[in-house]
Amino acid sequence: MATFAGRSYSLDVSQMYNAWGSRPLEYKGSVRYFGGSCENALNCTLRGLFSDAAGAYVAEWQIVNGVSERTILTWSADVVTEFMKHIDPPEYD
């Protein structure tokens, strides 16, 4: 569940076994595990960096007109590395 500006959205976490556990969203000065940006309460992009027994993976969700959809779920090392560098998605004018 993600909440922004008084609205809550269910995020598709299928195929993500106990992905979060009890860790915080960020270790200061080290790595952020969850980020995002919103144009308004109905349009957001959220990203997460996760791990399980098989290794690290990332997910991205787009919320468009209030509807949440997971757009990325991958273990690709290239994508994981990019999300580690840029957990917040790009913002466009």
N, C-alpha and C. Protein backbone atom coordinates (compact mmCIF):
# COMPACT_ATOMS: atom_id res chain seq x y z
N MET A 1 0.85 -1.18 0.00
CA MET A 1 0.00 0.00 0.00
C MET A 1 0.89 1.23 0.00
N ALA A 2 0.59 2.19 -0.85
CA ALA A 2 1.30 3.46 -0.91
C ALA A 2 0.27 4.57 -0.73
N THR A 3 0.66 5.62 -0.02
CA THR A 3 -0.24 6.74 0.23
C THR A 3 0.45 8.04 -0.15
N PHE A 4 -0.30 8.90 -0.86
CA PHE A 4 0.19 10.23 -1.22
C PHE A 4 -0.99 11.18 -1.29
N ALA A 5 -0.86 12.33 -0.69
CA ALA A 5 -1.87 13.39 -0.73
C ALA A 5 -3.26 12.87 -0.35
N GLY A 6 -3.30 12.02 0.68
CA GLY A 6 -4.58 11.53 1.17
C GLY A 6 -5.19 10.39 0.39
N ARG A 7 -4.53 9.92 -0.65
CA ARG A 7 -5.04 8.80 -1.46
C ARG A 7 -4.14 7.59 -1.23
N SER A 8 -4.74 6.41 -1.16
CA SER A 8 -3.99 5.17 -0.98
C SER A 8 -4.13 4.29 -2.20
N TYR A 9 -3.04 3.61 -2.53
CA TYR A 9 -3.01 2.74 -3.70
C TYR A 9 -2.44 1.38 -3.32
N SER A 10 -3.12 0.33 -3.74
CA SER A 10 -2.59 -1.03 -3.59
C SER A 10 -1.58 -1.26 -4.68
N LEU A 11 -0.42 -1.78 -4.31
CA LEU A 11 0.62 -2.09 -5.29
C LEU A 11 0.66 -3.59 -5.51
N ASP A 12 0.74 -4.00 -6.76
CA ASP A 12 0.84 -5.42 -7.10
C ASP A 12 2.18 -5.95 -6.58
N VAL A 13 2.12 -6.84 -5.61
CA VAL A 13 3.34 -7.44 -5.06
C VAL A 13 3.38 -8.95 -5.34
N SER A 14 2.61 -9.40 -6.31
CA SER A 14 2.65 -10.82 -6.66
C SER A 14 4.05 -11.18 -7.14
N GLN A 15 4.47 -12.39 -6.86
CA GLN A 15 5.80 -12.90 -7.19
C GLN A 15 6.91 -12.17 -6.43
N MET A 16 6.56 -11.50 -5.34
CA MET A 16 7.53 -10.80 -4.51
C MET A 16 7.41 -11.34 -3.09
N TYR A 17 7.95 -12.51 -2.84
CA TYR A 17 7.82 -13.17 -1.55
C TYR A 17 8.46 -12.37 -0.42
N ASN A 18 7.67 -11.93 0.54
CA ASN A 18 8.14 -11.22 1.73
C ASN A 18 9.28 -10.26 1.39
N ALA A 19 9.07 -9.49 0.38
CA ALA A 19 10.13 -8.66 -0.19
C ALA A 19 10.70 -7.64 0.78
N TRP A 20 9.87 -7.09 1.63
CA TRP A 20 10.33 -5.98 2.44
C TRP A 20 10.90 -6.40 3.77
N GLY A 21 10.30 -7.39 4.41
CA GLY A 21 10.76 -7.76 5.75
C GLY A 21 10.58 -6.59 6.70
N SER A 22 11.55 -6.38 7.57
CA SER A 22 11.42 -5.32 8.57
C SER A 22 12.43 -4.19 8.35
N ARG A 23 13.09 -4.16 7.20
CA ARG A 23 14.11 -3.13 6.99
C ARG A 23 13.48 -1.76 6.74
N PRO A 24 14.22 -0.70 7.03
CA PRO A 24 13.70 0.65 6.79
C PRO A 24 13.72 0.99 5.30
N LEU A 25 13.05 2.06 4.93
CA LEU A 25 13.02 2.51 3.54
C LEU A 25 14.37 3.05 3.08
N GLU A 26 15.23 3.40 4.04
CA GLU A 26 16.51 4.01 3.69
C GLU A 26 17.51 3.78 4.82
N TYR A 27 18.76 3.56 4.45
CA TYR A 27 19.87 3.63 5.37
C TYR A 27 20.60 4.91 5.05
N LYS A 28 20.56 5.89 5.95
CA LYS A 28 21.14 7.22 5.70
C LYS A 28 22.59 7.11 5.24
N GLY A 29 22.90 7.82 4.17
CA GLY A 29 24.24 7.85 3.65
C GLY A 29 24.65 6.60 2.89
N SER A 30 23.72 5.66 2.73
CA SER A 30 24.07 4.40 2.07
C SER A 30 23.17 4.16 0.87
N VAL A 31 21.98 3.63 1.10
CA VAL A 31 21.08 3.30 0.00
C VAL A 31 19.64 3.54 0.42
N ARG A 32 18.85 4.00 -0.53
CA ARG A 32 17.40 4.10 -0.34
C ARG A 32 16.78 2.92 -1.06
N TYR A 33 15.84 2.27 -0.41
CA TYR A 33 15.20 1.10 -0.99
C TYR A 33 13.87 1.40 -1.66
N PHE A 34 13.34 2.59 -1.44
CA PHE A 34 12.04 2.92 -2.03
C PHE A 34 12.04 4.40 -2.36
N GLY A 35 11.55 4.75 -3.54
CA GLY A 35 11.49 6.14 -3.95
C GLY A 35 10.36 6.37 -4.92
N GLY A 36 10.19 7.60 -5.30
CA GLY A 36 9.14 7.90 -6.25
C GLY A 36 8.96 9.38 -6.45
N SER A 37 8.05 9.69 -7.34
CA SER A 37 7.66 11.07 -7.57
C SER A 37 6.21 11.09 -8.05
N CYS A 38 5.54 12.18 -7.75
CA CYS A 38 4.14 12.32 -8.14
C CYS A 38 3.93 13.67 -8.81
N GLU A 39 3.19 13.67 -9.89
CA GLU A 39 2.77 14.92 -10.52
C GLU A 39 1.63 15.53 -9.73
N ASN A 40 0.76 14.66 -9.22
CA ASN A 40 -0.38 15.04 -8.40
C ASN A 40 -0.85 13.77 -7.70
N ALA A 41 -1.95 13.83 -6.99
CA ALA A 41 -2.43 12.69 -6.20
C ALA A 41 -2.86 11.51 -7.06
N LEU A 42 -3.06 11.71 -8.36
CA LEU A 42 -3.55 10.63 -9.22
C LEU A 42 -2.50 10.07 -10.17
N ASN A 43 -1.30 10.66 -10.21
CA ASN A 43 -0.28 10.25 -11.17
C ASN A 43 1.10 10.22 -10.51
N CYS A 44 1.60 9.01 -10.30
CA CYS A 44 2.87 8.82 -9.61
C CYS A 44 3.66 7.68 -10.25
N THR A 45 4.96 7.69 -10.00
CA THR A 45 5.83 6.56 -10.33
C THR A 45 6.57 6.20 -9.06
N LEU A 46 6.53 4.93 -8.68
CA LEU A 46 7.18 4.45 -7.47
C LEU A 46 8.15 3.35 -7.84
N ARG A 47 9.29 3.31 -7.14
CA ARG A 47 10.31 2.29 -7.40
C ARG A 47 10.78 1.68 -6.10
N GLY A 48 11.10 0.39 -6.15
CA GLY A 48 11.62 -0.29 -4.97
C GLY A 48 12.76 -1.22 -5.34
N LEU A 49 13.69 -1.36 -4.41
CA LEU A 49 14.82 -2.27 -4.52
C LEU A 49 14.62 -3.31 -3.43
N PHE A 50 14.61 -4.59 -3.79
CA PHE A 50 14.27 -5.66 -2.87
C PHE A 50 15.29 -6.78 -2.97
N SER A 51 15.19 -7.74 -2.04
CA SER A 51 16.03 -8.93 -2.14
C SER A 51 15.31 -10.09 -1.47
N ASP A 52 15.66 -11.27 -1.93
CA ASP A 52 15.18 -12.51 -1.31
C ASP A 52 16.32 -13.52 -1.40
N ALA A 53 16.06 -14.76 -1.15
CA ALA A 53 17.12 -15.78 -1.17
C ALA A 53 17.79 -15.91 -2.53
N ALA A 54 17.09 -15.51 -3.59
CA ALA A 54 17.64 -15.63 -4.95
C ALA A 54 18.51 -14.43 -5.35
N GLY A 55 18.42 -13.32 -4.64
CA GLY A 55 19.22 -12.14 -4.98
C GLY A 55 18.40 -10.88 -5.00
N ALA A 56 19.01 -9.81 -5.51
CA ALA A 56 18.36 -8.50 -5.56
C ALA A 56 17.48 -8.38 -6.80
N TYR A 57 16.39 -7.64 -6.65
CA TYR A 57 15.51 -7.35 -7.78
C TYR A 57 14.83 -6.01 -7.55
N VAL A 58 14.23 -5.47 -8.60
CA VAL A 58 13.57 -4.17 -8.52
C VAL A 58 12.16 -4.26 -9.09
N ALA A 59 11.34 -3.32 -8.65
CA ALA A 59 9.99 -3.19 -9.17
C ALA A 59 9.69 -1.71 -9.36
N GLU A 60 8.84 -1.44 -10.33
CA GLU A 60 8.36 -0.07 -10.55
C GLU A 60 6.86 -0.14 -10.78
N TRP A 61 6.16 0.82 -10.19
CA TRP A 61 4.72 0.93 -10.37
C TRP A 61 4.39 2.31 -10.93
N GLN A 62 3.47 2.35 -11.86
CA GLN A 62 2.94 3.61 -12.38
C GLN A 62 1.51 3.74 -11.87
N ILE A 63 1.19 4.89 -11.36
CA ILE A 63 -0.19 5.21 -11.00
C ILE A 63 -0.62 6.28 -11.97
N VAL A 64 -1.57 5.93 -12.82
CA VAL A 64 -2.05 6.83 -13.87
C VAL A 64 -3.55 7.00 -13.70
N ASN A 65 -3.97 8.23 -13.54
CA ASN A 65 -5.39 8.54 -13.31
C ASN A 65 -5.96 7.71 -12.17
N GLY A 66 -5.14 7.50 -11.13
CA GLY A 66 -5.60 6.80 -9.93
C GLY A 66 -5.55 5.29 -10.01
N VAL A 67 -5.06 4.73 -11.11
CA VAL A 67 -4.99 3.27 -11.27
C VAL A 67 -3.53 2.84 -11.20
N SER A 68 -3.25 1.90 -10.30
CA SER A 68 -1.88 1.41 -10.09
C SER A 68 -1.61 0.18 -10.95
N GLU A 69 -0.44 0.17 -11.59
CA GLU A 69 -0.01 -0.99 -12.38
C GLU A 69 1.50 -1.17 -12.21
N ARG A 70 1.92 -2.40 -11.94
CA ARG A 70 3.36 -2.66 -11.88
C ARG A 70 3.87 -2.74 -13.31
N THR A 71 4.90 -1.96 -13.62
CA THR A 71 5.43 -1.91 -14.98
C THR A 71 6.76 -2.63 -15.12
N ILE A 72 7.47 -2.82 -14.00
CA ILE A 72 8.76 -3.52 -14.03
C ILE A 72 8.85 -4.45 -12.83
N LEU A 73 9.30 -5.66 -13.07
CA LEU A 73 9.72 -6.60 -12.03
C LEU A 73 10.85 -7.40 -12.66
N THR A 74 12.10 -7.14 -12.21
CA THR A 74 13.23 -7.79 -12.86
C THR A 74 14.40 -7.99 -11.90
N TRP A 75 15.18 -9.01 -12.22
CA TRP A 75 16.42 -9.31 -11.52
C TRP A 75 17.61 -8.89 -12.37
N SER A 76 17.39 -8.28 -13.51
CA SER A 76 18.47 -7.86 -14.41
C SER A 76 19.47 -6.98 -13.65
N ALA A 77 20.73 -7.40 -13.65
CA ALA A 77 21.76 -6.66 -12.92
C ALA A 77 21.88 -5.22 -13.41
N ASP A 78 21.72 -4.99 -14.71
CA ASP A 78 21.80 -3.63 -15.26
C ASP A 78 20.71 -2.74 -14.67
N VAL A 79 19.49 -3.25 -14.63
CA VAL A 79 18.37 -2.45 -14.12
C VAL A 79 18.49 -2.26 -12.62
N VAL A 80 18.88 -3.31 -11.89
CA VAL A 80 19.08 -3.19 -10.44
C VAL A 80 20.11 -2.11 -10.14
N THR A 81 21.22 -2.12 -10.87
CA THR A 81 22.27 -1.12 -10.67
C THR A 81 21.75 0.29 -10.92
N GLU A 82 20.98 0.49 -11.98
CA GLU A 82 20.43 1.82 -12.28
C GLU A 82 19.46 2.27 -11.21
N PHE A 83 18.62 1.36 -10.72
CA PHE A 83 17.68 1.74 -9.66
C PHE A 83 18.43 2.07 -8.38
N MET A 84 19.55 1.39 -8.10
CA MET A 84 20.34 1.72 -6.92
C MET A 84 20.90 3.14 -7.03
N LYS A 85 21.28 3.54 -8.24
CA LYS A 85 21.81 4.89 -8.47
C LYS A 85 20.70 5.94 -8.50
N HIS A 86 19.54 5.56 -9.03
CA HIS A 86 18.44 6.51 -9.27
C HIS A 86 17.12 5.89 -8.80
N ILE A 87 16.94 5.78 -7.49
CA ILE A 87 15.71 5.18 -6.98
C ILE A 87 14.50 6.07 -7.27
N ASP A 88 14.72 7.38 -7.36
CA ASP A 88 13.62 8.26 -7.76
C ASP A 88 13.60 8.34 -9.29
N PRO A 89 12.45 8.12 -9.89
CA PRO A 89 12.36 8.17 -11.36
C PRO A 89 12.59 9.58 -11.87
N PRO A 90 12.94 9.71 -13.15
CA PRO A 90 13.12 11.04 -13.71
C PRO A 90 11.82 11.82 -13.71
N GLU A 91 11.93 13.12 -13.55
CA GLU A 91 10.76 13.99 -13.63
C GLU A 91 10.83 14.79 -14.91
N TYR A 92 9.73 14.88 -15.60
CA TYR A 92 9.67 15.58 -16.87
C TYR A 92 8.84 16.85 -16.73
N ASP A 93 9.23 17.89 -17.45
CA ASP A 93 8.48 19.15 -17.42
C ASP A 93 7.32 19.10 -18.37
